[in-house]
N, C-alpha and C. Protein backbone atom coordinates (compact mmCIF):
# COMPACT_ATOMS: atom_id res chain seq x y z
N MET A 1 45.23 3.73 -36.17
CA MET A 1 45.21 2.35 -36.57
C MET A 1 46.60 1.76 -36.43
N GLU A 2 46.71 0.62 -35.85
CA GLU A 2 48.00 -0.05 -35.70
C GLU A 2 48.31 -0.80 -36.99
N PRO A 3 49.54 -0.67 -37.48
CA PRO A 3 49.90 -1.36 -38.71
C PRO A 3 50.05 -2.86 -38.49
N ASN A 4 49.85 -3.60 -39.54
CA ASN A 4 50.10 -5.03 -39.55
C ASN A 4 51.61 -5.22 -39.60
N PRO A 5 52.19 -6.15 -38.85
CA PRO A 5 53.65 -6.31 -38.86
C PRO A 5 54.19 -6.86 -40.18
N GLU A 6 53.34 -7.40 -41.01
CA GLU A 6 53.76 -7.94 -42.30
C GLU A 6 53.36 -6.99 -43.41
N PRO A 7 54.16 -6.92 -44.48
CA PRO A 7 53.78 -6.07 -45.60
C PRO A 7 52.55 -6.63 -46.29
N PRO A 8 51.75 -5.76 -46.90
CA PRO A 8 50.59 -6.28 -47.63
C PRO A 8 51.05 -7.10 -48.82
N CYS A 9 50.40 -8.23 -49.09
CA CYS A 9 50.83 -9.07 -50.20
C CYS A 9 50.23 -8.58 -51.52
N THR A 10 49.13 -7.88 -51.46
CA THR A 10 48.58 -7.28 -52.67
C THR A 10 48.09 -5.88 -52.33
N VAL A 11 48.26 -4.99 -53.27
CA VAL A 11 47.80 -3.62 -53.12
C VAL A 11 47.07 -3.26 -54.40
N ASP A 12 45.88 -2.75 -54.25
CA ASP A 12 45.07 -2.36 -55.39
C ASP A 12 45.60 -1.03 -55.96
N ALA A 13 45.97 -1.03 -57.24
CA ALA A 13 46.54 0.16 -57.87
C ALA A 13 45.55 1.33 -57.85
N GLY A 14 44.27 1.04 -58.03
CA GLY A 14 43.28 2.11 -58.03
C GLY A 14 43.17 2.79 -56.68
N ARG A 15 43.16 2.00 -55.62
CA ARG A 15 43.10 2.56 -54.26
C ARG A 15 44.36 3.35 -53.94
N LEU A 16 45.49 2.82 -54.35
CA LEU A 16 46.77 3.50 -54.11
C LEU A 16 46.81 4.83 -54.85
N THR A 17 46.36 4.84 -56.10
CA THR A 17 46.30 6.06 -56.89
C THR A 17 45.41 7.09 -56.22
N GLN A 18 44.25 6.65 -55.75
CA GLN A 18 43.32 7.54 -55.07
C GLN A 18 43.94 8.10 -53.79
N LEU A 19 44.60 7.26 -53.02
CA LEU A 19 45.22 7.71 -51.77
C LEU A 19 46.29 8.76 -52.05
N ILE A 20 47.14 8.53 -53.01
CA ILE A 20 48.20 9.49 -53.35
C ILE A 20 47.59 10.81 -53.78
N SER A 21 46.55 10.76 -54.57
CA SER A 21 45.87 11.98 -55.00
C SER A 21 45.28 12.73 -53.81
N LEU A 22 44.65 12.01 -52.89
CA LEU A 22 44.05 12.65 -51.72
C LEU A 22 45.10 13.22 -50.77
N LEU A 23 46.19 12.50 -50.56
CA LEU A 23 47.24 12.99 -49.67
C LEU A 23 47.93 14.23 -50.23
N SER A 24 47.93 14.37 -51.54
CA SER A 24 48.53 15.55 -52.17
C SER A 24 47.48 16.63 -52.44
N CYS A 25 46.30 16.46 -51.89
CA CYS A 25 45.20 17.42 -52.05
C CYS A 25 44.89 17.70 -53.52
N GLY A 26 45.08 16.68 -54.37
CA GLY A 26 44.78 16.81 -55.78
C GLY A 26 45.75 17.67 -56.56
N ASP A 27 46.91 17.98 -55.98
CA ASP A 27 47.88 18.85 -56.63
C ASP A 27 48.73 18.18 -57.70
N LEU A 28 48.88 16.86 -57.64
CA LEU A 28 49.76 16.16 -58.57
C LEU A 28 49.02 15.78 -59.85
N ASP A 29 49.74 15.81 -60.96
CA ASP A 29 49.11 15.38 -62.21
C ASP A 29 49.11 13.85 -62.28
N GLU A 30 48.33 13.33 -63.20
CA GLU A 30 48.13 11.88 -63.29
C GLU A 30 49.42 11.13 -63.57
N HIS A 31 50.36 11.73 -64.28
CA HIS A 31 51.62 11.05 -64.59
C HIS A 31 52.49 10.90 -63.35
N GLU A 32 52.51 11.92 -62.50
CA GLU A 32 53.29 11.85 -61.26
C GLU A 32 52.66 10.84 -60.31
N ILE A 33 51.34 10.85 -60.22
CA ILE A 33 50.65 9.88 -59.37
C ILE A 33 50.92 8.46 -59.88
N ALA A 34 50.89 8.26 -61.19
CA ALA A 34 51.15 6.94 -61.77
C ALA A 34 52.59 6.49 -61.47
N ARG A 35 53.54 7.42 -61.53
CA ARG A 35 54.94 7.10 -61.24
C ARG A 35 55.08 6.61 -59.80
N ILE A 36 54.48 7.34 -58.86
CA ILE A 36 54.56 6.96 -57.45
C ILE A 36 53.85 5.64 -57.21
N THR A 37 52.69 5.46 -57.82
CA THR A 37 51.94 4.21 -57.71
C THR A 37 52.78 3.05 -58.21
N ASP A 38 53.45 3.22 -59.34
CA ASP A 38 54.29 2.15 -59.90
C ASP A 38 55.42 1.76 -58.94
N ILE A 39 56.04 2.75 -58.33
CA ILE A 39 57.10 2.45 -57.37
C ILE A 39 56.53 1.64 -56.19
N CYS A 40 55.38 2.06 -55.69
CA CYS A 40 54.75 1.34 -54.57
C CYS A 40 54.41 -0.09 -54.97
N LEU A 41 53.88 -0.28 -56.16
CA LEU A 41 53.53 -1.62 -56.61
C LEU A 41 54.76 -2.49 -56.77
N GLN A 42 55.86 -1.92 -57.25
CA GLN A 42 57.12 -2.67 -57.33
C GLN A 42 57.57 -3.10 -55.94
N ALA A 43 57.37 -2.22 -54.98
CA ALA A 43 57.82 -2.49 -53.61
C ALA A 43 57.04 -3.61 -52.94
N VAL A 44 55.84 -3.88 -53.40
CA VAL A 44 55.06 -4.97 -52.82
C VAL A 44 55.77 -6.30 -53.04
N SER A 45 56.30 -6.51 -54.24
CA SER A 45 56.96 -7.78 -54.54
C SER A 45 58.47 -7.77 -54.27
N GLU A 46 59.10 -6.60 -54.36
CA GLU A 46 60.54 -6.50 -54.13
C GLU A 46 60.86 -5.26 -53.29
N PRO A 47 60.50 -5.27 -52.01
CA PRO A 47 60.64 -4.05 -51.22
C PRO A 47 62.08 -3.54 -51.10
N ALA A 48 63.01 -4.38 -50.72
CA ALA A 48 64.39 -3.92 -50.53
C ALA A 48 65.00 -3.44 -51.84
N GLN A 49 64.80 -4.19 -52.90
CA GLN A 49 65.37 -3.81 -54.20
C GLN A 49 64.76 -2.51 -54.71
N THR A 50 63.47 -2.35 -54.53
CA THR A 50 62.81 -1.12 -54.99
C THR A 50 63.32 0.08 -54.20
N LEU A 51 63.43 -0.05 -52.90
CA LEU A 51 63.95 1.05 -52.08
C LEU A 51 65.40 1.36 -52.46
N GLN A 52 66.20 0.32 -52.65
CA GLN A 52 67.60 0.51 -53.04
C GLN A 52 67.69 1.26 -54.37
N THR A 53 66.92 0.83 -55.34
CA THR A 53 66.96 1.42 -56.68
C THR A 53 66.54 2.89 -56.67
N HIS A 54 65.48 3.19 -55.97
CA HIS A 54 64.92 4.55 -56.04
C HIS A 54 65.45 5.50 -54.98
N TYR A 55 65.87 4.98 -53.82
CA TYR A 55 66.20 5.88 -52.71
C TYR A 55 67.54 5.59 -52.04
N GLY A 56 68.21 4.49 -52.42
CA GLY A 56 69.53 4.21 -51.87
C GLY A 56 69.55 3.14 -50.80
N ALA A 57 70.77 2.79 -50.41
CA ALA A 57 71.00 1.67 -49.49
C ALA A 57 70.40 1.92 -48.10
N GLU A 58 70.50 3.15 -47.61
CA GLU A 58 69.95 3.43 -46.28
C GLU A 58 68.44 3.24 -46.27
N ALA A 59 67.78 3.69 -47.31
CA ALA A 59 66.32 3.52 -47.40
C ALA A 59 65.96 2.04 -47.50
N ALA A 60 66.79 1.25 -48.16
CA ALA A 60 66.51 -0.18 -48.32
C ALA A 60 66.44 -0.90 -46.99
N ARG A 61 67.07 -0.35 -45.96
CA ARG A 61 67.01 -0.97 -44.64
C ARG A 61 65.60 -0.96 -44.04
N VAL A 62 64.77 -0.04 -44.50
CA VAL A 62 63.38 -0.01 -44.02
C VAL A 62 62.71 -1.35 -44.28
N ALA A 63 63.01 -1.96 -45.42
CA ALA A 63 62.41 -3.26 -45.76
C ALA A 63 62.81 -4.34 -44.77
N GLN A 64 63.96 -4.18 -44.12
CA GLN A 64 64.41 -5.16 -43.13
C GLN A 64 63.78 -4.92 -41.77
N TYR A 65 63.81 -3.66 -41.28
CA TYR A 65 63.35 -3.43 -39.92
C TYR A 65 61.88 -3.03 -39.82
N ASP A 66 61.24 -2.67 -40.93
CA ASP A 66 59.82 -2.35 -40.90
C ASP A 66 59.16 -2.70 -42.23
N PRO A 67 59.07 -3.99 -42.55
CA PRO A 67 58.51 -4.38 -43.85
C PRO A 67 57.10 -3.85 -44.08
N ALA A 68 56.31 -3.75 -43.03
CA ALA A 68 54.94 -3.24 -43.19
C ALA A 68 54.91 -1.73 -43.46
N GLY A 69 56.01 -1.05 -43.20
CA GLY A 69 56.05 0.40 -43.38
C GLY A 69 56.60 0.87 -44.71
N VAL A 70 56.95 -0.06 -45.59
CA VAL A 70 57.60 0.30 -46.85
C VAL A 70 56.72 1.21 -47.71
N LEU A 71 55.45 0.86 -47.88
CA LEU A 71 54.58 1.68 -48.74
C LEU A 71 54.41 3.08 -48.17
N ALA A 72 54.17 3.18 -46.87
CA ALA A 72 54.03 4.50 -46.24
C ALA A 72 55.33 5.30 -46.38
N PHE A 73 56.46 4.62 -46.25
CA PHE A 73 57.76 5.28 -46.40
C PHE A 73 57.91 5.86 -47.80
N ILE A 74 57.57 5.09 -48.81
CA ILE A 74 57.66 5.56 -50.20
C ILE A 74 56.73 6.75 -50.40
N ILE A 75 55.50 6.63 -49.94
CA ILE A 75 54.55 7.73 -50.10
C ILE A 75 55.07 8.99 -49.40
N PHE A 76 55.62 8.83 -48.20
CA PHE A 76 56.19 9.98 -47.50
C PHE A 76 57.33 10.61 -48.29
N ILE A 77 58.26 9.80 -48.74
CA ILE A 77 59.41 10.33 -49.49
C ILE A 77 58.93 11.08 -50.74
N GLU A 78 57.99 10.49 -51.45
CA GLU A 78 57.51 11.09 -52.69
C GLU A 78 56.66 12.33 -52.46
N LEU A 79 55.96 12.39 -51.34
CA LEU A 79 55.08 13.53 -51.04
C LEU A 79 55.63 14.38 -49.89
N GLU A 80 56.91 14.33 -49.69
CA GLU A 80 57.54 14.98 -48.54
C GLU A 80 57.16 16.46 -48.40
N ASP A 81 56.96 17.16 -49.50
CA ASP A 81 56.60 18.57 -49.44
C ASP A 81 55.23 18.81 -48.82
N TYR A 82 54.41 17.78 -48.74
CA TYR A 82 53.06 17.91 -48.17
C TYR A 82 53.05 17.58 -46.67
N PHE A 83 54.16 17.12 -46.14
CA PHE A 83 54.25 16.67 -44.76
C PHE A 83 54.93 17.70 -43.88
N ALA A 84 54.63 17.62 -42.60
CA ALA A 84 55.35 18.35 -41.56
C ALA A 84 55.96 17.27 -40.66
N VAL A 85 57.26 17.39 -40.42
CA VAL A 85 57.98 16.38 -39.65
C VAL A 85 58.88 17.10 -38.65
N SER A 86 58.78 16.70 -37.39
CA SER A 86 59.56 17.39 -36.37
C SER A 86 59.65 16.56 -35.10
N ASP A 87 60.56 16.96 -34.23
CA ASP A 87 60.68 16.37 -32.90
C ASP A 87 59.93 17.17 -31.85
N THR A 88 59.55 18.40 -32.18
CA THR A 88 58.85 19.25 -31.20
C THR A 88 57.56 19.78 -31.81
N VAL A 89 56.57 20.01 -30.96
CA VAL A 89 55.28 20.49 -31.46
C VAL A 89 55.36 21.92 -31.98
N ASP A 90 56.19 22.76 -31.38
CA ASP A 90 56.29 24.13 -31.87
C ASP A 90 56.90 24.17 -33.27
N GLU A 91 57.91 23.37 -33.50
CA GLU A 91 58.53 23.31 -34.82
C GLU A 91 57.55 22.70 -35.84
N LEU A 92 56.81 21.69 -35.43
CA LEU A 92 55.80 21.09 -36.29
C LEU A 92 54.76 22.14 -36.69
N TYR A 93 54.30 22.90 -35.70
CA TYR A 93 53.31 23.94 -35.97
C TYR A 93 53.86 25.00 -36.92
N GLU A 94 55.12 25.36 -36.78
CA GLU A 94 55.74 26.34 -37.70
C GLU A 94 55.67 25.82 -39.14
N GLN A 95 55.85 24.54 -39.33
CA GLN A 95 55.76 23.98 -40.67
C GLN A 95 54.33 24.04 -41.19
N VAL A 96 53.36 23.84 -40.32
CA VAL A 96 51.95 23.96 -40.71
C VAL A 96 51.66 25.41 -41.11
N ILE A 97 52.14 26.36 -40.32
CA ILE A 97 51.96 27.78 -40.65
C ILE A 97 52.52 28.07 -42.04
N ASP A 98 53.69 27.53 -42.34
CA ASP A 98 54.35 27.78 -43.62
C ASP A 98 53.57 27.25 -44.82
N ALA A 99 52.62 26.34 -44.58
CA ALA A 99 51.84 25.77 -45.67
C ALA A 99 50.82 26.77 -46.23
N PHE A 100 50.56 27.83 -45.49
CA PHE A 100 49.54 28.79 -45.89
C PHE A 100 50.13 30.18 -46.08
N GLU A 101 49.68 30.86 -47.13
CA GLU A 101 50.09 32.25 -47.32
C GLU A 101 49.14 33.19 -46.60
N GLN A 102 47.85 33.04 -46.83
CA GLN A 102 46.84 33.89 -46.22
C GLN A 102 45.59 33.08 -45.96
N PRO A 103 44.83 33.30 -44.97
CA PRO A 103 45.22 34.11 -43.82
C PRO A 103 46.23 33.37 -42.97
N LEU A 104 47.02 34.13 -42.30
CA LEU A 104 48.05 33.55 -41.46
C LEU A 104 47.44 32.88 -40.24
N LEU A 105 48.03 31.79 -39.85
CA LEU A 105 47.66 31.15 -38.59
C LEU A 105 48.35 31.92 -37.46
N PRO A 106 47.79 31.91 -36.27
CA PRO A 106 48.46 32.59 -35.16
C PRO A 106 49.78 31.92 -34.82
N ASP A 107 50.65 32.68 -34.20
CA ASP A 107 51.92 32.13 -33.75
C ASP A 107 51.69 31.06 -32.69
N TYR A 108 52.69 30.23 -32.53
CA TYR A 108 52.63 29.22 -31.48
C TYR A 108 52.57 29.91 -30.12
N PRO A 109 51.67 29.50 -29.24
CA PRO A 109 51.49 30.17 -27.94
C PRO A 109 52.51 29.70 -26.88
N TYR A 110 53.74 30.08 -27.05
CA TYR A 110 54.80 29.61 -26.14
C TYR A 110 54.47 29.89 -24.67
N ASP A 111 54.02 31.12 -24.37
CA ASP A 111 53.80 31.52 -22.99
C ASP A 111 52.34 31.44 -22.56
N ASP A 112 51.46 31.13 -23.48
CA ASP A 112 50.03 31.17 -23.17
C ASP A 112 49.33 29.94 -23.74
N ASN A 113 49.65 28.77 -23.21
CA ASN A 113 48.93 27.57 -23.63
C ASN A 113 48.68 26.69 -22.42
N ASN A 114 47.72 25.83 -22.57
CA ASN A 114 47.41 24.89 -21.48
C ASN A 114 47.50 23.45 -21.98
N PHE A 115 48.46 23.20 -22.87
CA PHE A 115 48.65 21.86 -23.39
C PHE A 115 49.22 20.96 -22.30
N GLN A 116 48.47 19.96 -21.92
CA GLN A 116 48.95 18.98 -20.96
C GLN A 116 49.46 17.74 -21.67
N THR A 117 48.93 17.52 -22.87
CA THR A 117 49.30 16.34 -23.65
C THR A 117 49.48 16.73 -25.12
N ILE A 118 50.02 15.81 -25.87
CA ILE A 118 50.16 16.00 -27.32
C ILE A 118 48.76 16.12 -27.94
N ALA A 119 47.81 15.36 -27.42
CA ALA A 119 46.43 15.44 -27.94
C ALA A 119 45.87 16.85 -27.74
N ASP A 120 46.19 17.50 -26.62
CA ASP A 120 45.76 18.88 -26.39
C ASP A 120 46.32 19.81 -27.47
N PHE A 121 47.58 19.62 -27.79
CA PHE A 121 48.21 20.43 -28.84
C PHE A 121 47.49 20.22 -30.17
N PHE A 122 47.25 18.97 -30.55
CA PHE A 122 46.61 18.71 -31.83
C PHE A 122 45.17 19.22 -31.86
N ARG A 123 44.46 19.19 -30.74
CA ARG A 123 43.12 19.79 -30.68
C ARG A 123 43.20 21.29 -30.93
N TRP A 124 44.19 21.94 -30.33
CA TRP A 124 44.38 23.37 -30.53
C TRP A 124 44.69 23.68 -31.99
N VAL A 125 45.58 22.90 -32.60
CA VAL A 125 45.90 23.11 -34.01
C VAL A 125 44.66 22.93 -34.87
N ASP A 126 43.87 21.91 -34.59
CA ASP A 126 42.65 21.68 -35.36
C ASP A 126 41.69 22.86 -35.21
N GLN A 127 41.59 23.41 -34.02
CA GLN A 127 40.74 24.59 -33.82
C GLN A 127 41.24 25.77 -34.65
N GLN A 128 42.56 25.95 -34.70
CA GLN A 128 43.13 27.04 -35.50
C GLN A 128 42.84 26.83 -36.98
N LEU A 129 42.99 25.58 -37.41
CA LEU A 129 42.67 25.29 -38.82
C LEU A 129 41.20 25.51 -39.10
N LEU A 130 40.32 25.10 -38.21
CA LEU A 130 38.88 25.31 -38.40
C LEU A 130 38.55 26.80 -38.52
N ILE A 131 39.21 27.63 -37.74
CA ILE A 131 38.97 29.07 -37.77
C ILE A 131 39.55 29.72 -39.03
N HIS A 132 40.79 29.38 -39.36
CA HIS A 132 41.52 30.09 -40.41
C HIS A 132 41.53 29.37 -41.76
N HIS A 133 41.49 28.06 -41.74
CA HIS A 133 41.54 27.26 -42.98
C HIS A 133 40.67 26.02 -42.79
N PRO A 134 39.36 26.19 -42.72
CA PRO A 134 38.46 25.08 -42.37
C PRO A 134 38.47 23.92 -43.36
N LYS A 135 39.01 24.14 -44.52
CA LYS A 135 39.07 23.09 -45.54
C LYS A 135 40.10 22.01 -45.19
N TYR A 136 41.00 22.28 -44.25
CA TYR A 136 42.14 21.40 -43.98
C TYR A 136 42.15 20.83 -42.57
N CYS A 137 42.81 19.67 -42.44
CA CYS A 137 43.10 19.08 -41.13
C CYS A 137 44.39 18.26 -41.26
N LEU A 138 44.88 17.82 -40.12
CA LEU A 138 46.12 17.04 -40.09
C LEU A 138 45.82 15.57 -39.84
N ILE A 139 46.60 14.73 -40.47
CA ILE A 139 46.55 13.29 -40.25
C ILE A 139 47.97 12.82 -39.93
N ASN A 140 48.11 12.00 -38.89
CA ASN A 140 49.37 11.30 -38.65
C ASN A 140 49.45 10.20 -39.70
N PHE A 141 50.56 10.14 -40.41
CA PHE A 141 50.67 9.16 -41.49
C PHE A 141 52.03 8.49 -41.46
N GLY A 142 52.02 7.18 -41.54
CA GLY A 142 53.27 6.42 -41.61
C GLY A 142 54.04 6.50 -40.32
N GLU A 143 55.30 6.23 -40.44
CA GLU A 143 56.20 6.19 -39.28
C GLU A 143 57.46 6.96 -39.63
N SER A 144 57.72 8.03 -38.91
CA SER A 144 58.97 8.73 -39.09
C SER A 144 60.03 7.98 -38.30
N TYR A 145 61.09 7.62 -38.95
CA TYR A 145 62.14 6.87 -38.27
C TYR A 145 63.17 7.78 -37.64
N THR A 146 63.05 9.09 -37.87
CA THR A 146 64.03 10.03 -37.34
C THR A 146 63.41 11.15 -36.52
N HIS A 147 62.08 11.28 -36.52
CA HIS A 147 61.41 12.35 -35.79
C HIS A 147 60.23 11.80 -35.00
N ASP A 148 59.79 12.58 -34.03
CA ASP A 148 58.66 12.17 -33.20
C ASP A 148 57.31 12.33 -33.89
N PHE A 149 57.20 13.34 -34.75
CA PHE A 149 55.93 13.65 -35.39
C PHE A 149 56.06 13.65 -36.90
N GLN A 150 55.07 13.06 -37.57
CA GLN A 150 55.01 13.07 -39.04
C GLN A 150 53.54 13.19 -39.41
N VAL A 151 53.15 14.36 -39.89
CA VAL A 151 51.75 14.61 -40.22
C VAL A 151 51.65 15.16 -41.64
N VAL A 152 50.46 14.99 -42.20
CA VAL A 152 50.20 15.52 -43.53
C VAL A 152 48.92 16.35 -43.47
N LEU A 153 48.94 17.48 -44.15
CA LEU A 153 47.80 18.38 -44.21
C LEU A 153 46.93 17.94 -45.39
N VAL A 154 45.67 17.61 -45.10
CA VAL A 154 44.76 17.10 -46.14
C VAL A 154 43.45 17.87 -46.10
N HIS A 155 42.66 17.69 -47.14
CA HIS A 155 41.32 18.28 -47.14
C HIS A 155 40.47 17.55 -46.11
N ARG A 156 39.86 18.30 -45.25
CA ARG A 156 39.03 17.76 -44.17
C ARG A 156 37.93 16.85 -44.73
N SER A 157 37.38 17.22 -45.88
CA SER A 157 36.27 16.45 -46.46
C SER A 157 36.69 15.06 -46.93
N THR A 158 37.99 14.83 -47.07
CA THR A 158 38.47 13.53 -47.55
C THR A 158 39.09 12.67 -46.45
N THR A 159 39.06 13.17 -45.23
CA THR A 159 39.73 12.49 -44.12
C THR A 159 39.28 11.05 -43.95
N GLN A 160 37.99 10.82 -43.89
CA GLN A 160 37.49 9.46 -43.67
C GLN A 160 37.85 8.54 -44.84
N GLU A 161 37.81 9.06 -46.05
CA GLU A 161 38.20 8.25 -47.21
C GLU A 161 39.69 7.89 -47.14
N ILE A 162 40.51 8.85 -46.74
CA ILE A 162 41.95 8.58 -46.60
C ILE A 162 42.19 7.50 -45.54
N LEU A 163 41.55 7.66 -44.38
CA LEU A 163 41.74 6.69 -43.31
C LEU A 163 41.23 5.31 -43.72
N SER A 164 40.14 5.26 -44.46
CA SER A 164 39.61 3.99 -44.94
C SER A 164 40.58 3.33 -45.93
N LEU A 165 41.09 4.11 -46.87
CA LEU A 165 42.06 3.57 -47.84
C LEU A 165 43.31 3.07 -47.12
N CYS A 166 43.78 3.82 -46.15
CA CYS A 166 44.96 3.40 -45.39
C CYS A 166 44.68 2.09 -44.66
N GLY A 167 43.51 1.98 -44.07
CA GLY A 167 43.14 0.74 -43.38
C GLY A 167 43.10 -0.44 -44.34
N GLN A 168 42.55 -0.24 -45.51
CA GLN A 168 42.46 -1.31 -46.50
C GLN A 168 43.84 -1.77 -46.97
N MET A 169 44.81 -0.84 -46.97
CA MET A 169 46.16 -1.17 -47.44
C MET A 169 47.13 -1.38 -46.29
N GLN A 170 46.61 -1.47 -45.06
CA GLN A 170 47.42 -1.72 -43.88
C GLN A 170 48.49 -0.65 -43.66
N LEU A 171 48.14 0.61 -43.94
CA LEU A 171 49.05 1.73 -43.73
C LEU A 171 48.68 2.43 -42.43
N LYS A 172 49.66 2.79 -41.65
CA LYS A 172 49.45 3.46 -40.38
C LYS A 172 48.98 4.90 -40.65
N ALA A 173 47.79 5.23 -40.17
CA ALA A 173 47.25 6.58 -40.31
C ALA A 173 46.16 6.79 -39.29
N GLU A 174 46.10 8.01 -38.75
CA GLU A 174 45.05 8.35 -37.80
C GLU A 174 44.93 9.87 -37.73
N LEU A 175 43.78 10.33 -37.27
CA LEU A 175 43.60 11.76 -37.07
C LEU A 175 44.62 12.25 -36.05
N SER A 176 45.11 13.44 -36.26
CA SER A 176 46.07 14.03 -35.32
C SER A 176 45.36 14.52 -34.10
C-alpha cells in the first residue's frame, strides 16, 4: 500500500492499540501498549515536538521530510526488537533466524539459490517459515530511512487484520 503524503489528521486509539498488540504478537502488556499509543496520539497533533521530546532532534526531522511516516516511525522505534532491518537479504534473513530458538531455520543458501528478484527471496523465506514456523510471516512495515529492508515478524493469522488497520491509518505496510 502506498502511504498518503499527508499525516493522518485523526487516528483511532482503539485501532492503534490493536495494531501495536498485533505487531508485537501479543507480547506487550496493556500499560506498554497504552504508553506507545499515547505517544502516537500526541504525534498526530504535534509530530515534530513529540519526536523531539521522546526520541531527540534527529528523529524530529522525520516530521519535516516524511510527515505521513511519523506514526510508523514511532511504532518501529518502540517495537524495534520485533523488526528485522538490513541492507542485504542475507543479513535480514539472519535476523529472522535469530527470532527463533527451535526449530532452527535453514542457513541462508549463499551458493544454492535461484533468487532473481527480492520477491523470489521473500517467497523462499515464507516457504521456510511455513515449514518450520507456520504460525509466522513477514510484513514490510513503515519506511526505513537508513536501510533497504524493514520487516516485522507477525502471526500469519493476523496478517489481513494488520494490513487493514494499517490501511485505515494510512500506514505503509504490505506482505513481504
